[in-house]
Amino acid sequence: MGDQPFNQGMKAVAGNILADPVQSNGQPKYEPAFLGPEKLHGIILVAGNTAQIVDTKLNDIKKVLGGTVKEVTTIKGKVRPGEFKGHEQ
């Protein structure tokens, strides 16, 4: 892309360009899986009312992107209990 911050990856530009929260040692406050040796350039967040909706949409996204991205990790959410049950999968 020719974009220097993109080429550096998310961890390298977390605090100074992306304004992501960082720890006192300068490391970003990311999910541990995002702090590995891989150079991350983005995160795809998929949300829905059910796990099936989320899985279907994620598969659709993967088909569109094809081999242009590499999945590093998947973090599955859970629905909220009580009056919010069925939301924010």
Protein backbone atom coordinates (compact mmCIF):
# COMPACT_ATOMS: atom_id res chain seq x y z
CA MET A 1 0.00 0.00 0.00
CA GLY A 2 2.94 2.32 0.43
CA ASP A 3 1.57 3.50 3.78
CA GLN A 4 4.39 3.45 6.37
CA PRO A 5 2.17 3.03 9.47
CA PHE A 6 0.36 0.14 7.75
CA ASN A 7 3.65 -1.49 6.86
CA GLN A 8 4.80 -1.19 10.49
CA GLY A 9 1.73 -3.04 11.80
CA MET A 10 -0.77 -2.26 14.54
CA LYS A 11 1.49 -2.97 17.52
CA ALA A 12 4.16 -0.55 16.32
CA VAL A 13 1.75 2.36 15.85
CA ALA A 14 -0.80 1.57 18.59
CA GLY A 15 -0.30 4.54 20.88
CA ASN A 16 1.12 7.24 18.65
CA ILE A 17 -0.94 6.85 15.47
CA LEU A 18 -3.97 4.68 16.28
CA ALA A 19 -4.46 6.23 19.75
CA ASP A 20 -5.04 2.75 21.20
CA PRO A 21 -4.50 2.42 24.94
CA VAL A 22 -0.98 1.34 25.89
CA GLN A 23 0.63 -0.01 29.06
CA SER A 24 3.36 1.84 30.96
CA ASN A 25 5.97 -0.17 28.99
CA GLY A 26 4.55 1.13 25.70
CA GLN A 27 2.97 -2.19 24.69
CA PRO A 28 -0.62 -1.90 23.47
CA LYS A 29 -3.43 -3.17 25.68
CA TYR A 30 -4.49 -5.76 23.14
CA GLU A 31 -5.89 -9.26 23.45
CA PRO A 32 -2.82 -11.49 24.13
CA ALA A 33 -3.25 -13.28 20.80
CA PHE A 34 -2.73 -9.93 19.04
CA LEU A 35 0.63 -9.37 20.73
CA GLY A 36 2.43 -12.33 19.15
CA PRO A 37 5.13 -12.14 16.51
CA GLU A 38 2.63 -11.66 13.67
CA LYS A 39 2.47 -8.14 12.23
CA LEU A 40 -1.23 -7.30 12.44
CA HIS A 41 -2.80 -4.74 10.16
CA GLY A 42 -6.43 -4.95 11.16
CA ILE A 43 -9.13 -6.67 13.15
CA ILE A 44 -12.50 -7.75 11.84
CA LEU A 45 -15.28 -7.63 14.41
CA VAL A 46 -18.49 -9.50 13.62
CA ALA A 47 -21.48 -9.24 15.96
CA GLY A 48 -24.99 -10.63 15.85
CA ASN A 49 -27.88 -11.93 17.92
CA THR A 50 -26.86 -15.59 17.57
CA ALA A 51 -23.68 -17.59 17.06
CA GLN A 52 -25.11 -18.89 13.77
CA ILE A 53 -25.57 -15.36 12.41
CA VAL A 54 -22.03 -14.45 13.43
CA ASP A 55 -20.53 -17.62 11.91
CA THR A 56 -22.44 -17.16 8.65
CA LYS A 57 -21.36 -13.53 8.29
CA LEU A 58 -17.74 -14.35 9.15
CA ASN A 59 -17.73 -17.08 6.49
CA ASP A 60 -19.17 -14.61 3.97
CA ILE A 61 -16.41 -12.12 4.80
CA LYS A 62 -13.72 -14.80 4.46
CA LYS A 63 -15.08 -15.77 1.02
CA VAL A 64 -14.96 -12.15 -0.15
CA LEU A 65 -11.43 -11.60 1.17
CA GLY A 66 -10.18 -14.95 -0.10
CA GLY A 67 -6.44 -15.40 0.30
CA THR A 68 -5.75 -11.70 0.89
CA VAL A 69 -5.86 -12.05 4.67
CA LYS A 70 -4.58 -14.50 7.26
CA GLU A 71 -6.68 -15.33 10.31
CA VAL A 72 -4.50 -15.12 13.42
CA THR A 73 -7.15 -15.91 16.02
CA THR A 74 -10.86 -15.97 16.66
CA ILE A 75 -12.39 -14.85 19.93
CA LYS A 76 -15.95 -16.04 20.45
CA GLY A 77 -18.23 -13.85 22.50
CA LYS A 78 -21.19 -14.88 24.59
CA VAL A 79 -24.69 -13.51 24.84
CA ARG A 80 -25.53 -11.45 27.84
CA PRO A 81 -27.86 -12.85 30.51
CA GLY A 82 -31.09 -11.42 31.82
CA GLU A 83 -32.90 -8.68 29.95
CA PHE A 84 -30.05 -8.49 27.38
CA LYS A 85 -30.20 -12.23 26.55
CA GLY A 86 -29.93 -12.83 22.82
CA HIS A 87 -27.93 -9.70 22.11
CA GLU A 88 -24.25 -9.00 21.41
CA GLN A 89 -23.14 -12.51 20.42
